[in-house]
Amino acid sequence: LQPVRGTQDIIGDDYALFERVVTIARDISS
């Protein structure tokens, strides 16, 4: 019941950070 080595669960603040990075990248590229 652990993630496979080299993978991770992205949750909480990390998820918020993840979404912010992608959103900023998408907005600026547009």
PDB file of all heavy atoms in Angstrom:
ATOM      1  N   LEU A   1       0.811  -1.208   0.000  1.00  0.00           N
ATOM      2  CA  LEU A   1       0.000   0.000   0.000  1.00  0.00           C
ATOM      3  C   LEU A   1       0.847   1.262   0.000  1.00  0.00           C
ATOM      4  O   LEU A   1       0.449   2.294   0.517  1.00  0.00           O
ATOM      5  CB  LEU A   1      -0.938  -0.015   1.209  1.00  0.00           C
ATOM      6  CG  LEU A   1      -1.984  -1.140   1.180  1.00  0.00           C
ATOM      7  CD1 LEU A   1      -2.842  -1.121   2.421  1.00  0.00           C
ATOM      8  CD2 LEU A   1      -2.859  -1.023  -0.071  1.00  0.00           C
ATOM      9  N   GLN A   2       2.040   1.166  -0.567  1.00  0.00           N
ATOM     10  CA  GLN A   2       2.892   2.326  -0.762  1.00  0.00           C
ATOM     11  C   GLN A   2       2.984   2.609  -2.267  1.00  0.00           C
ATOM     12  O   GLN A   2       2.843   1.708  -3.083  1.00  0.00           O
ATOM     13  CB  GLN A   2       4.294   2.059  -0.207  1.00  0.00           C
ATOM     14  CG  GLN A   2       4.343   1.813   1.294  1.00  0.00           C
ATOM     15  CD  GLN A   2       3.896   3.031   2.079  1.00  0.00           C
ATOM     16  OE1 GLN A   2       4.254   4.153   1.745  1.00  0.00           O
ATOM     17  NE2 GLN A   2       3.104   2.801   3.115  1.00  0.00           N
ATOM     18  N   PRO A   3       3.224   3.858  -2.633  1.00  0.00           N
ATOM     19  CA  PRO A   3       3.407   4.131  -4.067  1.00  0.00           C
ATOM     20  C   PRO A   3       4.640   3.419  -4.589  1.00  0.00           C
ATOM     21  O   PRO A   3       5.602   3.187  -3.855  1.00  0.00           O
ATOM     22  CB  PRO A   3       3.563   5.653  -4.121  1.00  0.00           C
ATOM     23  CG  PRO A   3       3.995   6.052  -2.751  1.00  0.00           C
ATOM     24  CD  PRO A   3       3.344   5.071  -1.820  1.00  0.00           C
ATOM     25  N   VAL A   4       4.622   3.047  -5.854  1.00  0.00           N
ATOM     26  CA  VAL A   4       5.767   2.405  -6.484  1.00  0.00           C
ATOM     27  C   VAL A   4       6.959   3.357  -6.420  1.00  0.00           C
ATOM     28  O   VAL A   4       6.818   4.576  -6.543  1.00  0.00           O
ATOM     29  CB  VAL A   4       5.437   2.059  -7.952  1.00  0.00           C
ATOM     30  CG1 VAL A   4       6.657   1.510  -8.676  1.00  0.00           C
ATOM     31  CG2 VAL A   4       4.276   1.071  -8.005  1.00  0.00           C
ATOM     32  N   ARG A   5       8.149   2.799  -6.229  1.00  0.00           N
ATOM     33  CA  ARG A   5       9.346   3.631  -6.127  1.00  0.00           C
ATOM     34  C   ARG A   5       9.468   4.536  -7.351  1.00  0.00           C
ATOM     35  O   ARG A   5       9.316   4.109  -8.491  1.00  0.00           O
ATOM     36  CB  ARG A   5      10.593   2.752  -6.013  1.00  0.00           C
ATOM     37  CG  ARG A   5      11.877   3.555  -5.779  1.00  0.00           C
ATOM     38  CD  ARG A   5      13.022   2.634  -5.392  1.00  0.00           C
ATOM     39  NE  ARG A   5      14.220   3.397  -5.054  1.00  0.00           N
ATOM     40  CZ  ARG A   5      15.255   3.591  -5.872  1.00  0.00           C
ATOM     41  NH1 ARG A   5      15.242   3.060  -7.082  1.00  0.00           N
ATOM     42  NH2 ARG A   5      16.292   4.299  -5.492  1.00  0.00           N
ATOM     43  N   GLY A   6       9.733   5.801  -7.084  1.00  0.00           N
ATOM     44  CA  GLY A   6       9.852   6.749  -8.174  1.00  0.00           C
ATOM     45  C   GLY A   6       8.540   7.414  -8.555  1.00  0.00           C
ATOM     46  O   GLY A   6       8.493   8.166  -9.521  1.00  0.00           O
ATOM     47  N   THR A   7       7.475   7.136  -7.807  1.00  0.00           N
ATOM     48  CA  THR A   7       6.202   7.813  -8.022  1.00  0.00           C
ATOM     49  C   THR A   7       5.780   8.474  -6.718  1.00  0.00           C
ATOM     50  O   THR A   7       6.355   8.219  -5.666  1.00  0.00           O
ATOM     51  CB  THR A   7       5.102   6.843  -8.487  1.00  0.00           C
ATOM     52  OG1 THR A   7       4.800   5.917  -7.413  1.00  0.00           O
ATOM     53  CG2 THR A   7       5.536   6.054  -9.709  1.00  0.00           C
ATOM     54  N   GLN A   8       4.773   9.311  -6.789  1.00  0.00           N
ATOM     55  CA  GLN A   8       4.326  10.004  -5.581  1.00  0.00           C
ATOM     56  C   GLN A   8       2.858  10.363  -5.708  1.00  0.00           C
ATOM     57  O   GLN A   8       2.308  10.427  -6.813  1.00  0.00           O
ATOM     58  CB  GLN A   8       5.140  11.283  -5.368  1.00  0.00           C
ATOM     59  CG  GLN A   8       4.972  12.297  -6.488  1.00  0.00           C
ATOM     60  CD  GLN A   8       5.537  13.655  -6.153  1.00  0.00           C
ATOM     61  OE1 GLN A   8       5.776  13.982  -4.992  1.00  0.00           O
ATOM     62  NE2 GLN A   8       5.759  14.485  -7.163  1.00  0.00           N
ATOM     63  N   ASP A   9       2.232  10.566  -4.568  1.00  0.00           N
ATOM     64  CA  ASP A   9       0.889  11.129  -4.510  1.00  0.00           C
ATOM     65  C   ASP A   9       1.026  12.635  -4.350  1.00  0.00           C
ATOM     66  O   ASP A   9       1.745  13.110  -3.464  1.00  0.00           O
ATOM     67  CB  ASP A   9       0.107  10.554  -3.325  1.00  0.00           C
ATOM     68  CG  ASP A   9       0.000   9.032  -3.400  1.00  0.00           C
ATOM     69  OD1 ASP A   9      -0.367   8.518  -4.464  1.00  0.00           O
ATOM     70  OD2 ASP A   9       0.295   8.372  -2.383  1.00  0.00           O
ATOM     71  N   ILE A  10       0.364  13.389  -5.196  1.00  0.00           N
ATOM     72  CA  ILE A  10       0.426  14.848  -5.125  1.00  0.00           C
ATOM     73  C   ILE A  10      -0.851  15.330  -4.467  1.00  0.00           C
ATOM     74  O   ILE A  10      -1.933  15.275  -5.058  1.00  0.00           O
ATOM     75  CB  ILE A  10       0.596  15.452  -6.529  1.00  0.00           C
ATOM     76  CG1 ILE A  10       1.878  14.920  -7.177  1.00  0.00           C
ATOM     77  CG2 ILE A  10       0.632  16.976  -6.466  1.00  0.00           C
ATOM     78  CD1 ILE A  10       2.088  15.367  -8.609  1.00  0.00           C
ATOM     79  N   ILE A  11      -0.733  15.790  -3.234  1.00  0.00           N
ATOM     80  CA  ILE A  11      -1.908  16.129  -2.432  1.00  0.00           C
ATOM     81  C   ILE A  11      -1.663  17.424  -1.661  1.00  0.00           C
ATOM     82  O   ILE A  11      -0.529  17.894  -1.550  1.00  0.00           O
ATOM     83  CB  ILE A  11      -2.260  14.993  -1.441  1.00  0.00           C
ATOM     84  CG1 ILE A  11      -1.048  14.667  -0.555  1.00  0.00           C
ATOM     85  CG2 ILE A  11      -2.709  13.744  -2.185  1.00  0.00           C
ATOM     86  CD1 ILE A  11      -1.312  13.567   0.455  1.00  0.00           C
ATOM     87  N   GLY A  12      -2.735  17.995  -1.122  1.00  0.00           N
ATOM     88  CA  GLY A  12      -2.613  19.156  -0.253  1.00  0.00           C
ATOM     89  C   GLY A  12      -1.959  20.339  -0.942  1.00  0.00           C
ATOM     90  O   GLY A  12      -2.277  20.694  -2.078  1.00  0.00           O
ATOM     91  N   ASP A  13      -0.996  20.965  -0.245  1.00  0.00           N
ATOM     92  CA  ASP A  13      -0.306  22.137  -0.795  1.00  0.00           C
ATOM     93  C   ASP A  13       0.468  21.789  -2.061  1.00  0.00           C
ATOM     94  O   ASP A  13       0.612  22.632  -2.951  1.00  0.00           O
ATOM     95  CB  ASP A  13       0.643  22.733   0.250  1.00  0.00           C
ATOM     96  CG  ASP A  13      -0.090  23.533   1.313  1.00  0.00           C
ATOM     97  OD1 ASP A  13      -1.292  23.800   1.132  1.00  0.00           O
ATOM     98  OD2 ASP A  13       0.539  23.887   2.325  1.00  0.00           O
ATOM     99  N   ASP A  14       0.990  20.558  -2.136  1.00  0.00           N
ATOM    100  CA  ASP A  14       1.712  20.168  -3.343  1.00  0.00           C
ATOM    101  C   ASP A  14       0.785  20.178  -4.556  1.00  0.00           C
ATOM    102  O   ASP A  14       1.194  20.580  -5.658  1.00  0.00           O
ATOM    103  CB  ASP A  14       2.338  18.776  -3.185  1.00  0.00           C
ATOM    104  CG  ASP A  14       3.604  18.810  -2.350  1.00  0.00           C
ATOM    105  OD1 ASP A  14       4.092  19.922  -2.057  1.00  0.00           O
ATOM    106  OD2 ASP A  14       4.110  17.737  -1.995  1.00  0.00           O
ATOM    107  N   TYR A  15      -0.440  19.741  -4.362  1.00  0.00           N
ATOM    108  CA  TYR A  15      -1.398  19.776  -5.479  1.00  0.00           C
ATOM    109  C   TYR A  15      -1.682  21.219  -5.889  1.00  0.00           C
ATOM    110  O   TYR A  15      -1.730  21.545  -7.082  1.00  0.00           O
ATOM    111  CB  TYR A  15      -2.699  19.072  -5.101  1.00  0.00           C
ATOM    112  CG  TYR A  15      -3.726  19.112  -6.214  1.00  0.00           C
ATOM    113  CD1 TYR A  15      -3.670  18.201  -7.261  1.00  0.00           C
ATOM    114  CD2 TYR A  15      -4.715  20.092  -6.245  1.00  0.00           C
ATOM    115  CE1 TYR A  15      -4.590  18.253  -8.306  1.00  0.00           C
ATOM    116  CE2 TYR A  15      -5.638  20.157  -7.283  1.00  0.00           C
ATOM    117  CZ  TYR A  15      -5.573  19.226  -8.305  1.00  0.00           C
ATOM    118  OH  TYR A  15      -6.472  19.291  -9.334  1.00  0.00           O
ATOM    119  N   ALA A  16      -1.856  22.089  -4.886  1.00  0.00           N
ATOM    120  CA  ALA A  16      -2.102  23.498  -5.193  1.00  0.00           C
ATOM    121  C   ALA A  16      -0.918  24.104  -5.941  1.00  0.00           C
ATOM    122  O   ALA A  16      -1.094  24.873  -6.899  1.00  0.00           O
ATOM    123  CB  ALA A  16      -2.382  24.273  -3.903  1.00  0.00           C
ATOM    124  N   LEU A  17       0.315  23.759  -5.523  1.00  0.00           N
ATOM    125  CA  LEU A  17       1.507  24.227  -6.213  1.00  0.00           C
ATOM    126  C   LEU A  17       1.559  23.701  -7.641  1.00  0.00           C
ATOM    127  O   LEU A  17       1.869  24.435  -8.589  1.00  0.00           O
ATOM    128  CB  LEU A  17       2.758  23.785  -5.451  1.00  0.00           C
ATOM    129  CG  LEU A  17       3.143  24.597  -4.217  1.00  0.00           C
ATOM    130  CD1 LEU A  17       4.131  23.815  -3.364  1.00  0.00           C
ATOM    131  CD2 LEU A  17       3.741  25.934  -4.619  1.00  0.00           C
ATOM    132  N   PHE A  18       1.277  22.416  -7.790  1.00  0.00           N
ATOM    133  CA  PHE A  18       1.275  21.775  -9.105  1.00  0.00           C
ATOM    134  C   PHE A  18       0.324  22.515 -10.053  1.00  0.00           C
ATOM    135  O   PHE A  18       0.697  22.900 -11.165  1.00  0.00           O
ATOM    136  CB  PHE A  18       0.845  20.314  -8.940  1.00  0.00           C
ATOM    137  CG  PHE A  18       0.819  19.516 -10.209  1.00  0.00           C
ATOM    138  CD1 PHE A  18       1.862  18.661 -10.514  1.00  0.00           C
ATOM    139  CD2 PHE A  18      -0.247  19.596 -11.087  1.00  0.00           C
ATOM    140  CE1 PHE A  18       1.844  17.913 -11.685  1.00  0.00           C
ATOM    141  CE2 PHE A  18      -0.281  18.859 -12.255  1.00  0.00           C
ATOM    142  CZ  PHE A  18       0.768  18.010 -12.554  1.00  0.00           C
ATOM    143  N   GLU A  19      -0.891  22.733  -9.607  1.00  0.00           N
ATOM    144  CA  GLU A  19      -1.887  23.388 -10.451  1.00  0.00           C
ATOM    145  C   GLU A  19      -1.490  24.825 -10.767  1.00  0.00           C
ATOM    146  O   GLU A  19      -1.708  25.311 -11.883  1.00  0.00           O
ATOM    147  CB  GLU A  19      -3.253  23.365  -9.752  1.00  0.00           C
ATOM    148  CG  GLU A  19      -3.906  22.004  -9.743  1.00  0.00           C
ATOM    149  CD  GLU A  19      -4.252  21.546 -11.150  1.00  0.00           C
ATOM    150  OE1 GLU A  19      -4.983  22.268 -11.859  1.00  0.00           O
ATOM    151  OE2 GLU A  19      -3.770  20.478 -11.555  1.00  0.00           O
ATOM    152  N   ARG A  20      -0.879  25.509  -9.782  1.00  0.00           N
ATOM    153  CA  ARG A  20      -0.481  26.894 -10.012  1.00  0.00           C
ATOM    154  C   ARG A  20       0.605  26.974 -11.076  1.00  0.00           C
ATOM    155  O   ARG A  20       0.579  27.865 -11.941  1.00  0.00           O
ATOM    156  CB  ARG A  20       0.004  27.515  -8.701  1.00  0.00           C
ATOM    157  CG  ARG A  20       0.266  29.014  -8.776  1.00  0.00           C
ATOM    158  CD  ARG A  20      -1.026  29.808  -8.970  1.00  0.00           C
ATOM    159  NE  ARG A  20      -1.958  29.581  -7.903  1.00  0.00           N
ATOM    160  CZ  ARG A  20      -1.937  30.223  -6.733  1.00  0.00           C
ATOM    161  NH1 ARG A  20      -1.024  31.139  -6.504  1.00  0.00           N
ATOM    162  NH2 ARG A  20      -2.848  29.958  -5.808  1.00  0.00           N
ATOM    163  N   VAL A  21       1.586  26.079 -11.018  1.00  0.00           N
ATOM    164  CA  VAL A  21       2.662  26.073 -12.002  1.00  0.00           C
ATOM    165  C   VAL A  21       2.104  25.856 -13.412  1.00  0.00           C
ATOM    166  O   VAL A  21       2.432  26.580 -14.352  1.00  0.00           O
ATOM    167  CB  VAL A  21       3.711  24.996 -11.665  1.00  0.00           C
ATOM    168  CG1 VAL A  21       4.661  24.769 -12.839  1.00  0.00           C
ATOM    169  CG2 VAL A  21       4.505  25.388 -10.425  1.00  0.00           C
ATOM    170  N   VAL A  22       1.244  24.851 -13.564  1.00  0.00           N
ATOM    171  CA  VAL A  22       0.686  24.548 -14.888  1.00  0.00           C
ATOM    172  C   VAL A  22      -0.194  25.694 -15.383  1.00  0.00           C
ATOM    173  O   VAL A  22      -0.133  26.075 -16.565  1.00  0.00           O
ATOM    174  CB  VAL A  22      -0.102  23.222 -14.852  1.00  0.00           C
ATOM    175  CG1 VAL A  22      -0.803  22.978 -16.184  1.00  0.00           C
ATOM    176  CG2 VAL A  22       0.823  22.055 -14.529  1.00  0.00           C
ATOM    177  N   THR A  23      -0.974  26.267 -14.485  1.00  0.00           N
ATOM    178  CA  THR A  23      -1.857  27.370 -14.874  1.00  0.00           C
ATOM    179  C   THR A  23      -1.053  28.591 -15.322  1.00  0.00           C
ATOM    180  O   THR A  23      -1.367  29.221 -16.342  1.00  0.00           O
ATOM    181  CB  THR A  23      -2.782  27.753 -13.706  1.00  0.00           C
ATOM    182  OG1 THR A  23      -3.613  26.633 -13.379  1.00  0.00           O
ATOM    183  CG2 THR A  23      -3.675  28.935 -14.079  1.00  0.00           C
ATOM    184  N   ILE A  24      -0.012  28.931 -14.565  1.00  0.00           N
ATOM    185  CA  ILE A  24       0.836  30.068 -14.938  1.00  0.00           C
ATOM    186  C   ILE A  24       1.495  29.808 -16.289  1.00  0.00           C
ATOM    187  O   ILE A  24       1.540  30.687 -17.168  1.00  0.00           O
ATOM    188  CB  ILE A  24       1.882  30.334 -13.841  1.00  0.00           C
ATOM    189  CG1 ILE A  24       1.216  30.972 -12.618  1.00  0.00           C
ATOM    190  CG2 ILE A  24       3.010  31.230 -14.361  1.00  0.00           C
ATOM    191  CD1 ILE A  24       2.124  31.123 -11.415  1.00  0.00           C
ATOM    192  N   ALA A  25       2.027  28.599 -16.474  1.00  0.00           N
ATOM    193  CA  ALA A  25       2.678  28.264 -17.742  1.00  0.00           C
ATOM    194  C   ALA A  25       1.702  28.360 -18.901  1.00  0.00           C
ATOM    195  O   ALA A  25       2.028  28.904 -19.974  1.00  0.00           O
ATOM    196  CB  ALA A  25       3.274  26.860 -17.663  1.00  0.00           C
ATOM    197  N   ARG A  26       0.500  27.863 -18.704  1.00  0.00           N
ATOM    198  CA  ARG A  26      -0.516  27.900 -19.776  1.00  0.00           C
ATOM    199  C   ARG A  26      -0.917  29.347 -20.082  1.00  0.00           C
ATOM    200  O   ARG A  26      -1.027  29.748 -21.244  1.00  0.00           O
ATOM    201  CB  ARG A  26      -1.746  27.088 -19.363  1.00  0.00           C
ATOM    202  CG  ARG A  26      -2.824  27.027 -20.437  1.00  0.00           C
ATOM    203  CD  ARG A  26      -4.056  26.292 -19.958  1.00  0.00           C
ATOM    204  NE  ARG A  26      -3.768  24.898 -19.662  1.00  0.00           N
ATOM    205  CZ  ARG A  26      -3.770  24.375 -18.448  1.00  0.00           C
ATOM    206  NH1 ARG A  26      -4.043  25.146 -17.379  1.00  0.00           N
ATOM    207  NH2 ARG A  26      -3.505  23.106 -18.250  1.00  0.00           N
ATOM    208  N   ASP A  27      -1.109  30.146 -19.037  1.00  0.00           N
ATOM    209  CA  ASP A  27      -1.551  31.529 -19.238  1.00  0.00           C
ATOM    210  C   ASP A  27      -0.496  32.348 -19.975  1.00  0.00           C
ATOM    211  O   ASP A  27      -0.814  33.107 -20.904  1.00  0.00           O
ATOM    212  CB  ASP A  27      -1.876  32.183 -17.892  1.00  0.00           C
ATOM    213  CG  ASP A  27      -3.157  31.642 -17.268  1.00  0.00           C
ATOM    214  OD1 ASP A  27      -3.903  30.937 -17.972  1.00  0.00           O
ATOM    215  OD2 ASP A  27      -3.394  31.924 -16.087  1.00  0.00           O
ATOM    216  N   ILE A  28       0.764  32.208 -19.562  1.00  0.00           N
ATOM    217  CA  ILE A  28       1.810  33.005 -20.190  1.00  0.00           C
ATOM    218  C   ILE A  28       2.054  32.541 -21.621  1.00  0.00           C
ATOM    219  O   ILE A  28       2.249  33.355 -22.533  1.00  0.00           O
ATOM    220  CB  ILE A  28       3.102  32.958 -19.347  1.00  0.00           C
ATOM    221  CG1 ILE A  28       2.858  33.700 -18.033  1.00  0.00           C
ATOM    222  CG2 ILE A  28       4.284  33.563 -20.101  1.00  0.00           C
ATOM    223  CD1 ILE A  28       4.022  33.728 -17.099  1.00  0.00           C
ATOM    224  N   SER A  29       2.028  31.233 -21.860  1.00  0.00           N
ATOM    225  CA  SER A  29       2.228  30.742 -23.227  1.00  0.00           C
ATOM    226  C   SER A  29       1.121  31.228 -24.153  1.00  0.00           C
ATOM    227  O   SER A  29       1.361  31.493 -25.338  1.00  0.00           O
ATOM    228  CB  SER A  29       2.325  29.215 -23.242  1.00  0.00           C
ATOM    229  OG  SER A  29       1.096  28.613 -22.868  1.00  0.00           O
ATOM    230  N   SER A  30      -0.088  31.398 -23.624  1.00  0.00           N
ATOM    231  CA  SER A  30      -1.188  31.885 -24.470  1.00  0.00           C
ATOM    232  C   SER A  30      -0.948  33.318 -24.913  1.00  0.00           C
ATOM    233  O   SER A  30      -1.379  33.724 -25.996  1.00  0.00           O
ATOM    234  CB  SER A  30      -2.525  31.769 -23.725  1.00  0.00           C
ATOM    235  OG  SER A  30      -2.598  32.687 -22.646  1.00  0.00           O
TER     236      SER A  30
END
